[in-house]
Structure formats: structure tokens, C-alpha cells
């Protein structure tokens, strides 16, 4: 689950690390500095440290930490200090995949507080959380458009995921993907990421048999394949505009 910092200097990601003392494996959060090639751990609390998203000033990370019985979203500084626990349940709910709005005032995330994982939007401090998706079995991976007006996400229907785009308030939802695999089954389309100019949404799809990278115009009228090989690609993220 890589995440670019808005200034383009760092990439946050999760790696499975084996503890030397206990020999147990843990999901730790790291930061990779592009200029120096240095990587360092930023959150290695016992449990899951994943799904990072930078604040607009690149000085903080929002991520899911499961150092207690339930995964919740926290805000941490780049030295790993927890600045705030953004979500607290409710009632033991799972809160994952935080996405900070471009202006830094809102947070989109996936939560099963309604029974099934759906997309919610709250204030950046976690207050006034409001459900944005009302249909499907599992909605995940929210991503904001650069102007903050739209949210893309992966939505599960039956046994497959497709990419959808909606207004940030949940209205005017459209489907970007619908494809079949060589065996005739519906393809999995996941992990949307907006281009810096907001015109395109990139995602991965296994419609050819392997997980390849595609992008579509934000209205779904045109789609193009990016990778053409036998590898598998996951959680592709568009970099910020680094001109």
C-alpha cells in the first residue's frame, strides 16, 4: 500500500517484518526517501500499521493501527509519535484506508460500523462522520480527486469489485469499469488513484488473467491499458505533479 507525500519527497508503505526476539511477523510502516534512498520505520506497534496517507503539508501520516483489539485510524508525525486517534469504533468497528482531502479538512475511509464496509467521510479530526455509500457488499479504497469534489472507490457486487466515482457528498455515482476475464467470470477492478489533473482514474484489473494497470477518464467514456506483460501489479498510485 504505497503512498506518495504531496511534496514528492517520500513514499510510505507497509512491510511484513520478522521480530528478532519473538520471531513473529508484524506489519510495520516505513518511509522511503526518494532523494537519499534511505528507508526508516515510522510505526511498528504490535499488530497492523497500514494504509498510510499523507497530510497535504507532507508532515503527518494518517494510517490504521491495531495496537488494541480493533483497528482504528491515527494521525502520526514522521517520527512515529501519535498525534491523535481519529476513530474510536464505534462498538468495535473496523476503520481503515484513510484518505485525506486535498484541503486537509476532511477524511474519507472505509468502516464496517453499519454492518458491511462502506465509505464514510468525516472532519479531519474524526468528528461528524457521515456514510457516503449505501449499496454493495464491500466498498473500499477511497481516493479524492485533486479538487476535492469527487471520491473514487472500489465497490464489490456479488464476487467482483468495480471502480466507481461519486461526488464527495455521495451523489451522482457512476461506474467506470465492467469487464470479464478469459474464463468468462467478472474481472476484479481495484485500488483507484486520481491523476494530478483530475482527468483520469488509474486502477488495477485482472481481466486479462494477470493483474494489470489501466486508467479511465473520470466519466468512464475512455479506458486504456498501461502495462502489457505477465506480471501482477497491485495498489498503483499516481505520483503528485513533480514538474
C-alpha atoms as a PDB file:
ATOM      1  CA  UNK A   1       0.000   0.000   0.000  1.00  0.00           C
ATOM      2  CA  UNK A   2       2.425   2.729  -1.122  1.00  0.00           C
ATOM      3  CA  UNK A   3       1.509   6.395  -0.619  1.00  0.00           C
ATOM      4  CA  UNK A   4       3.277   9.436  -2.090  1.00  0.00           C
ATOM      5  CA  UNK A   5       3.830  12.523   0.021  1.00  0.00           C
ATOM      6  CA  UNK A   6       2.312  15.570  -1.724  1.00  0.00           C
ATOM      7  CA  UNK A   7       5.772  17.172  -1.995  1.00  0.00           C
ATOM      8  CA  UNK A   8       7.020  14.091  -3.851  1.00  0.00           C
ATOM      9  CA  UNK A   9       9.921  13.511  -1.466  1.00  0.00           C
ATOM     10  CA  UNK A  10       8.753  10.392   0.382  1.00  0.00           C
ATOM     11  CA  UNK A  11       6.795   7.189  -0.076  1.00  0.00           C
ATOM     12  CA  UNK A  12       5.155   5.476   2.894  1.00  0.00           C
ATOM     13  CA  UNK A  13       4.499   1.741   2.696  1.00  0.00           C
ATOM     14  CA  UNK A  14       3.856  -1.329   4.853  1.00  0.00           C
ATOM     15  CA  UNK A  15       6.261  -4.269   5.060  1.00  0.00           C
ATOM     16  CA  UNK A  16       5.968  -7.577   6.887  1.00  0.00           C
ATOM     17  CA  UNK A  17       8.853  -7.702   9.347  1.00  0.00           C
ATOM     18  CA  UNK A  18      10.012 -10.612  11.481  1.00  0.00           C
ATOM     19  CA  UNK A  19      10.735  -9.652  15.068  1.00  0.00           C
ATOM     20  CA  UNK A  20      14.212 -10.785  16.152  1.00  0.00           C
ATOM     21  CA  UNK A  21      13.187 -11.529  19.739  1.00  0.00           C
ATOM     22  CA  UNK A  22       9.850 -13.261  19.256  1.00  0.00           C
ATOM     23  CA  UNK A  23      10.317 -14.456  15.637  1.00  0.00           C
ATOM     24  CA  UNK A  24       6.766 -13.277  14.988  1.00  0.00           C
ATOM     25  CA  UNK A  25       5.896 -11.327  11.856  1.00  0.00           C
ATOM     26  CA  UNK A  26       4.375  -7.852  12.086  1.00  0.00           C
ATOM     27  CA  UNK A  27       3.022  -5.321   9.589  1.00  0.00           C
ATOM     28  CA  UNK A  28       5.216  -2.239  10.097  1.00  0.00           C
ATOM     29  CA  UNK A  29       5.026   1.159   8.408  1.00  0.00           C
ATOM     30  CA  UNK A  30       8.146   2.557   6.693  1.00  0.00           C
ATOM     31  CA  UNK A  31       9.064   5.743   4.881  1.00  0.00           C
ATOM     32  CA  UNK A  32      11.332   5.701   1.838  1.00  0.00           C
ATOM     33  CA  UNK A  33      13.193   8.919   0.975  1.00  0.00           C
ATOM     34  CA  UNK A  34      13.495   9.175  -2.790  1.00  0.00           C
ATOM     35  CA  UNK A  35      16.475  11.556  -2.832  1.00  0.00           C
ATOM     36  CA  UNK A  36      18.703   9.579  -0.449  1.00  0.00           C
ATOM     37  CA  UNK A  37      17.348   6.063  -0.928  1.00  0.00           C
ATOM     38  CA  UNK A  38      17.096   5.757   2.857  1.00  0.00           C
ATOM     39  CA  UNK A  39      14.209   3.918   4.473  1.00  0.00           C
ATOM     40  CA  UNK A  40      13.230   4.007   8.123  1.00  0.00           C
ATOM     41  CA  UNK A  41      10.400   2.619  10.283  1.00  0.00           C
ATOM     42  CA  UNK A  42       7.796   5.142  11.355  1.00  0.00           C
ATOM     43  CA  UNK A  43       5.173   2.934  13.036  1.00  0.00           C
ATOM     44  CA  UNK A  44       5.965  -0.544  14.292  1.00  0.00           C
ATOM     45  CA  UNK A  45       3.405  -1.088  17.022  1.00  0.00           C
ATOM     46  CA  UNK A  46       2.395  -4.702  17.544  1.00  0.00           C
ATOM     47  CA  UNK A  47      -0.364  -5.564  15.089  1.00  0.00           C
ATOM     48  CA  UNK A  48      -1.186  -3.788  11.835  1.00  0.00           C
ATOM     49  CA  UNK A  49       0.341  -0.474  10.768  1.00  0.00           C
ATOM     50  CA  UNK A  50      -1.012   0.090   7.271  1.00  0.00           C
ATOM     51  CA  UNK A  51      -2.968   2.147   4.751  1.00  0.00           C
ATOM     52  CA  UNK A  52      -0.965   5.352   5.072  1.00  0.00           C
ATOM     53  CA  UNK A  53      -1.982   8.683   3.570  1.00  0.00           C
ATOM     54  CA  UNK A  54      -0.015  11.923   3.990  1.00  0.00           C
ATOM     55  CA  UNK A  55      -1.434  15.239   5.122  1.00  0.00           C
ATOM     56  CA  UNK A  56      -1.343  17.977   2.434  1.00  0.00           C
ATOM     57  CA  UNK A  57       1.744  19.576   4.038  1.00  0.00           C
ATOM     58  CA  UNK A  58       3.546  16.168   3.963  1.00  0.00           C
ATOM     59  CA  UNK A  59       4.351  16.460   7.701  1.00  0.00           C
ATOM     60  CA  UNK A  60       1.910  13.848   9.044  1.00  0.00           C
ATOM     61  CA  UNK A  61       0.615  10.400   8.226  1.00  0.00           C
ATOM     62  CA  UNK A  62      -2.886   9.046   8.680  1.00  0.00           C
ATOM     63  CA  UNK A  63      -2.899   5.250   8.955  1.00  0.00           C
ATOM     64  CA  UNK A  64      -4.690   2.310  10.527  1.00  0.00           C
ATOM     65  CA  UNK A  65      -3.139   0.950  13.719  1.00  0.00           C
ATOM     66  CA  UNK A  66      -4.434  -2.148  15.506  1.00  0.00           C
ATOM     67  CA  UNK A  67      -2.434  -1.914  18.710  1.00  0.00           C
ATOM     68  CA  UNK A  68      -5.680  -2.675  20.564  1.00  0.00           C
ATOM     69  CA  UNK A  69      -8.453  -5.179  19.866  1.00  0.00           C
ATOM     70  CA  UNK A  70      -9.848  -3.184  16.921  1.00  0.00           C
ATOM     71  CA  UNK A  71      -8.204  -1.304  14.004  1.00  0.00           C
ATOM     72  CA  UNK A  72      -8.607   2.468  14.148  1.00  0.00           C
ATOM     73  CA  UNK A  73      -7.230   5.428  12.218  1.00  0.00           C
ATOM     74  CA  UNK A  74      -4.494   7.519  13.838  1.00  0.00           C
ATOM     75  CA  UNK A  75      -2.561  10.635  12.914  1.00  0.00           C
ATOM     76  CA  UNK A  76       1.187  10.383  13.495  1.00  0.00           C
ATOM     77  CA  UNK A  77       4.183  12.617  12.904  1.00  0.00           C
ATOM     78  CA  UNK A  78       7.045  11.375  10.750  1.00  0.00           C
ATOM     79  CA  UNK A  79       8.989  10.365  13.864  1.00  0.00           C
ATOM     80  CA  UNK A  80       6.167   7.930  14.708  1.00  0.00           C
ATOM     81  CA  UNK A  81       4.586   9.903  17.558  1.00  0.00           C
ATOM     82  CA  UNK A  82       0.802   9.516  17.687  1.00  0.00           C
ATOM     83  CA  UNK A  83      -0.717  12.984  17.471  1.00  0.00           C
ATOM     84  CA  UNK A  84      -4.356  11.896  17.637  1.00  0.00           C
ATOM     85  CA  UNK A  85      -6.577   8.839  17.457  1.00  0.00           C
ATOM     86  CA  UNK A  86      -9.053   9.849  14.779  1.00  0.00           C
ATOM     87  CA  UNK A  87     -11.595   6.999  15.033  1.00  0.00           C
ATOM     88  CA  UNK A  88     -12.807   5.092  18.078  1.00  0.00           C
ATOM     89  CA  UNK A  89     -15.144   2.371  16.889  1.00  0.00           C
ATOM     90  CA  UNK A  90     -17.979   2.764  17.462  1.00  0.00           C
ATOM     91  CA  UNK A  91     -18.761  -0.579  19.099  1.00  0.00           C
ATOM     92  CA  UNK A  92     -15.554  -2.198  17.938  1.00  0.00           C
ATOM     93  CA  UNK A  93     -15.988  -1.234  14.281  1.00  0.00           C
ATOM     94  CA  UNK A  94     -13.135  -1.567  11.793  1.00  0.00           C
ATOM     95  CA  UNK A  95     -11.905   1.773  10.408  1.00  0.00           C
ATOM     96  CA  UNK A  96      -9.319   1.525   7.636  1.00  0.00           C
ATOM     97  CA  UNK A  97      -7.872   3.085   4.452  1.00  0.00           C
ATOM     98  CA  UNK A  98      -7.841   6.774   5.411  1.00  0.00           C
ATOM     99  CA  UNK A  99      -7.693   9.325   2.586  1.00  0.00           C
ATOM    100  CA  UNK A 100      -7.130  12.993   3.418  1.00  0.00           C
ATOM    101  CA  UNK A 101      -8.955  15.562   1.282  1.00  0.00           C
ATOM    102  CA  UNK A 102      -6.702  17.903  -0.742  1.00  0.00           C
ATOM    103  CA  UNK A 103      -7.517  20.871   1.510  1.00  0.00           C
ATOM    104  CA  UNK A 104      -6.809  18.837   4.650  1.00  0.00           C
ATOM    105  CA  UNK A 105     -10.235  19.380   6.223  1.00  0.00           C
ATOM    106  CA  UNK A 106     -11.903  16.007   5.531  1.00  0.00           C
ATOM    107  CA  UNK A 107     -11.089  12.333   5.839  1.00  0.00           C
ATOM    108  CA  UNK A 108     -12.582   9.546   3.723  1.00  0.00           C
ATOM    109  CA  UNK A 109     -12.260   5.984   4.986  1.00  0.00           C
ATOM    110  CA  UNK A 110     -13.799   2.524   4.935  1.00  0.00           C
ATOM    111  CA  UNK A 111     -15.698   1.321   8.003  1.00  0.00           C
ATOM    112  CA  UNK A 112     -17.981  -1.599   8.862  1.00  0.00           C
ATOM    113  CA  UNK A 113     -19.832   0.324  11.582  1.00  0.00           C
ATOM    114  CA  UNK A 114     -23.049  -0.151   9.584  1.00  0.00           C
ATOM    115  CA  UNK A 115     -22.502  -3.919   9.302  1.00  0.00           C
ATOM    116  CA  UNK A 116     -20.714  -4.028   5.948  1.00  0.00           C
ATOM    117  CA  UNK A 117     -17.648  -1.988   4.941  1.00  0.00           C
ATOM    118  CA  UNK A 118     -18.840   1.276   3.397  1.00  0.00           C
ATOM    119  CA  UNK A 119     -17.242   4.629   2.570  1.00  0.00           C
ATOM    120  CA  UNK A 120     -17.539   7.377   5.190  1.00  0.00           C
ATOM    121  CA  UNK A 121     -16.376  10.995   5.284  1.00  0.00           C
ATOM    122  CA  UNK A 122     -15.614  12.868   8.497  1.00  0.00           C
ATOM    123  CA  UNK A 123     -13.925  16.058   9.564  1.00  0.00           C
ATOM    124  CA  UNK A 124     -10.162  15.645   9.736  1.00  0.00           C
ATOM    125  CA  UNK A 125     -10.382  15.077  13.500  1.00  0.00           C
ATOM    126  CA  UNK A 126     -12.899  12.240  13.028  1.00  0.00           C
ATOM    127  CA  UNK A 127     -15.966  14.198  14.065  1.00  0.00           C
ATOM    128  CA  UNK A 128     -19.257  14.269  12.141  1.00  0.00           C
ATOM    129  CA  UNK A 129     -18.657  11.024  10.243  1.00  0.00           C
ATOM    130  CA  UNK A 130     -21.258  10.521   7.529  1.00  0.00           C
ATOM    131  CA  UNK A 131     -21.865   7.470   5.361  1.00  0.00           C
ATOM    132  CA  UNK A 132     -21.405   8.100   1.638  1.00  0.00           C
ATOM    133  CA  UNK A 133     -22.091   4.695   0.033  1.00  0.00           C
ATOM    134  CA  UNK A 134     -25.293   2.794   0.680  1.00  0.00           C
ATOM    135  CA  UNK A 135     -25.137  -0.201  -1.677  1.00  0.00           C
ATOM    136  CA  UNK A 136     -22.929  -3.192  -2.429  1.00  0.00           C
ATOM    137  CA  UNK A 137     -21.311  -5.784  -0.207  1.00  0.00           C
ATOM    138  CA  UNK A 138     -17.932  -4.155   0.380  1.00  0.00           C
ATOM    139  CA  UNK A 139     -16.756  -0.635  -0.513  1.00  0.00           C
ATOM    140  CA  UNK A 140     -13.092   0.180  -0.065  1.00  0.00           C
ATOM    141  CA  UNK A 141     -10.025   2.204  -1.088  1.00  0.00           C
ATOM    142  CA  UNK A 142     -11.467   5.748  -1.269  1.00  0.00           C
ATOM    143  CA  UNK A 143      -9.409   8.290  -3.228  1.00  0.00           C
ATOM    144  CA  UNK A 144     -10.053  12.036  -3.530  1.00  0.00           C
ATOM    145  CA  UNK A 145      -9.906  13.957  -6.781  1.00  0.00           C
ATOM    146  CA  UNK A 146      -7.328  16.799  -6.680  1.00  0.00           C
ATOM    147  CA  UNK A 147     -10.075  19.438  -6.437  1.00  0.00           C
ATOM    148  CA  UNK A 148     -11.775  17.590  -3.568  1.00  0.00           C
ATOM    149  CA  UNK A 149     -15.084  17.383  -5.422  1.00  0.00           C
ATOM    150  CA  UNK A 150     -15.139  13.643  -6.154  1.00  0.00           C
ATOM    151  CA  UNK A 151     -14.226  10.344  -4.499  1.00  0.00           C
ATOM    152  CA  UNK A 152     -13.311   7.162  -6.359  1.00  0.00           C
ATOM    153  CA  UNK A 153     -13.594   3.776  -4.654  1.00  0.00           C
ATOM    154  CA  UNK A 154     -13.761   0.039  -5.294  1.00  0.00           C
ATOM    155  CA  UNK A 155     -17.188  -1.488  -4.764  1.00  0.00           C
ATOM    156  CA  UNK A 156     -17.986  -5.196  -4.545  1.00  0.00           C
ATOM    157  CA  UNK A 157     -21.071  -6.679  -6.145  1.00  0.00           C
ATOM    158  CA  UNK A 158     -21.517 -10.450  -5.967  1.00  0.00           C
ATOM    159  CA  UNK A 159     -17.981 -11.848  -6.302  1.00  0.00           C
ATOM    160  CA  UNK A 160     -16.142  -8.976  -8.009  1.00  0.00           C
ATOM    161  CA  UNK A 161     -15.023  -5.376  -7.479  1.00  0.00           C
ATOM    162  CA  UNK A 162     -15.532  -2.464  -9.879  1.00  0.00           C
ATOM    163  CA  UNK A 163     -14.356   1.143  -9.780  1.00  0.00           C
ATOM    164  CA  UNK A 164     -16.926   3.855  -9.067  1.00  0.00           C
ATOM    165  CA  UNK A 165     -16.719   7.650  -8.872  1.00  0.00           C
ATOM    166  CA  UNK A 166     -19.147   9.838  -6.935  1.00  0.00           C
ATOM    167  CA  UNK A 167     -19.424  13.402  -5.760  1.00  0.00           C
ATOM    168  CA  UNK A 168     -17.845  13.891  -2.338  1.00  0.00           C
ATOM    169  CA  UNK A 169     -21.329  14.062  -0.801  1.00  0.00           C
ATOM    170  CA  UNK A 170     -22.216  10.639  -2.252  1.00  0.00           C
ATOM    171  CA  UNK A 171     -24.413  11.867  -5.116  1.00  0.00           C
ATOM    172  CA  UNK A 172     -24.163  11.222  -8.875  1.00  0.00           C
ATOM    173  CA  UNK A 173     -22.309   7.916  -8.638  1.00  0.00           C
ATOM    174  CA  UNK A 174     -21.066   6.364 -11.887  1.00  0.00           C
ATOM    175  CA  UNK A 175     -19.395   3.052 -12.681  1.00  0.00           C
ATOM    176  CA  UNK A 176     -16.062   3.236 -14.511  1.00  0.00           C
ATOM    177  CA  UNK A 177     -15.364  -0.471 -15.039  1.00  0.00           C
ATOM    178  CA  UNK A 178     -17.151  -3.626 -16.128  1.00  0.00           C
ATOM    179  CA  UNK A 179     -15.071  -6.361 -17.737  1.00  0.00           C
ATOM    180  CA  UNK A 180     -14.839 -10.128 -17.957  1.00  0.00           C
ATOM    181  CA  UNK A 181     -11.847 -12.441 -17.626  1.00  0.00           C
ATOM    182  CA  UNK A 182     -10.827 -15.050 -20.244  1.00  0.00           C
ATOM    183  CA  UNK A 183     -12.776 -17.686 -18.299  1.00  0.00           C
ATOM    184  CA  UNK A 184     -15.964 -15.635 -18.592  1.00  0.00           C
ATOM    185  CA  UNK A 185     -16.074 -14.571 -14.940  1.00  0.00           C
ATOM    186  CA  UNK A 186     -16.288 -10.922 -13.968  1.00  0.00           C
ATOM    187  CA  UNK A 187     -12.914  -9.198 -13.511  1.00  0.00           C
ATOM    188  CA  UNK A 188     -11.637  -7.632 -10.315  1.00  0.00           C
ATOM    189  CA  UNK A 189     -11.031  -3.869 -10.660  1.00  0.00           C
ATOM    190  CA  UNK A 190      -9.487  -2.308  -7.558  1.00  0.00           C
ATOM    191  CA  UNK A 191      -7.348   0.401  -5.930  1.00  0.00           C
ATOM    192  CA  UNK A 192      -8.299   3.640  -7.738  1.00  0.00           C
ATOM    193  CA  UNK A 193      -5.911   6.610  -7.872  1.00  0.00           C
ATOM    194  CA  UNK A 194      -6.620  10.014  -9.465  1.00  0.00           C
ATOM    195  CA  UNK A 195      -4.199  11.702 -11.845  1.00  0.00           C
ATOM    196  CA  UNK A 196      -2.809  15.057 -10.594  1.00  0.00           C
ATOM    197  CA  UNK A 197      -5.008  16.966 -13.057  1.00  0.00           C
ATOM    198  CA  UNK A 198      -8.148  15.044 -12.005  1.00  0.00           C
ATOM    199  CA  UNK A 199      -8.954  13.892 -15.563  1.00  0.00           C
ATOM    200  CA  UNK A 200      -8.167  10.199 -15.111  1.00  0.00           C
ATOM    201  CA  UNK A 201      -8.507   7.390 -12.596  1.00  0.00           C
ATOM    202  CA  UNK A 202      -5.884   4.640 -12.530  1.00  0.00           C
ATOM    203  CA  UNK A 203      -6.625   1.154 -11.153  1.00  0.00           C
ATOM    204  CA  UNK A 204      -5.635  -2.487 -11.435  1.00  0.00           C
ATOM    205  CA  UNK A 205      -7.663  -5.163 -13.203  1.00  0.00           C
ATOM    206  CA  UNK A 206      -7.250  -8.906 -13.750  1.00  0.00           C
ATOM    207  CA  UNK A 207      -9.431  -9.015 -16.876  1.00  0.00           C
ATOM    208  CA  UNK A 208      -6.539 -10.468 -18.934  1.00  0.00           C
ATOM    209  CA  UNK A 209      -5.774 -13.148 -16.345  1.00  0.00           C
ATOM    210  CA  UNK A 210      -2.975 -11.169 -14.660  1.00  0.00           C
ATOM    211  CA  UNK A 211      -3.348  -8.021 -12.587  1.00  0.00           C
ATOM    212  CA  UNK A 212      -2.512  -5.179 -14.973  1.00  0.00           C
ATOM    213  CA  UNK A 213      -2.706  -1.375 -14.698  1.00  0.00           C
ATOM    214  CA  UNK A 214      -5.391   0.596 -16.527  1.00  0.00           C
ATOM    215  CA  UNK A 215      -6.716   4.125 -16.450  1.00  0.00           C
ATOM    216  CA  UNK A 216     -10.028   5.635 -17.438  1.00  0.00           C
ATOM    217  CA  UNK A 217     -11.339   9.122 -17.983  1.00  0.00           C
ATOM    218  CA  UNK A 218     -13.247  10.267 -14.929  1.00  0.00           C
ATOM    219  CA  UNK A 219     -16.535   9.980 -16.814  1.00  0.00           C
ATOM    220  CA  UNK A 220     -15.772   6.382 -17.858  1.00  0.00           C
ATOM    221  CA  UNK A 221     -16.021   7.096 -21.586  1.00  0.00           C
ATOM    222  CA  UNK A 222     -12.459   6.076 -22.462  1.00  0.00           C
ATOM    223  CA  UNK A 223     -10.217   3.396 -20.989  1.00  0.00           C
ATOM    224  CA  UNK A 224      -6.605   2.448 -21.706  1.00  0.00           C
ATOM    225  CA  UNK A 225      -4.310  -0.341 -20.609  1.00  0.00           C
ATOM    226  CA  UNK A 226      -0.916   0.783 -19.244  1.00  0.00           C
ATOM    227  CA  UNK A 227       1.026  -2.448 -18.636  1.00  0.00           C
ATOM    228  CA  UNK A 228       1.316  -5.305 -21.139  1.00  0.00           C
ATOM    229  CA  UNK A 229       3.190  -8.227 -19.583  1.00  0.00           C
ATOM    230  CA  UNK A 230       2.719 -11.356 -17.475  1.00  0.00           C
ATOM    231  CA  UNK A 231       3.461  -9.720 -14.125  1.00  0.00           C
ATOM    232  CA  UNK A 232       0.923  -8.806 -11.464  1.00  0.00           C
ATOM    233  CA  UNK A 233       0.550  -5.211 -10.263  1.00  0.00           C
ATOM    234  CA  UNK A 234      -1.165  -4.074  -7.080  1.00  0.00           C
ATOM    235  CA  UNK A 235      -2.190  -0.766  -5.488  1.00  0.00           C
ATOM    236  CA  UNK A 236      -0.714   1.511  -8.150  1.00  0.00           C
ATOM    237  CA  UNK A 237      -0.555   5.172  -7.062  1.00  0.00           C
ATOM    238  CA  UNK A 238      -0.238   8.211  -9.307  1.00  0.00           C
ATOM    239  CA  UNK A 239       2.580  10.492  -8.180  1.00  0.00           C
ATOM    240  CA  UNK A 240       1.945  14.166  -7.412  1.00  0.00           C
ATOM    241  CA  UNK A 241       2.772  16.657 -10.138  1.00  0.00           C
ATOM    242  CA  UNK A 242       6.560  16.848  -9.923  1.00  0.00           C
ATOM    243  CA  UNK A 243       7.307  19.423 -12.630  1.00  0.00           C
END
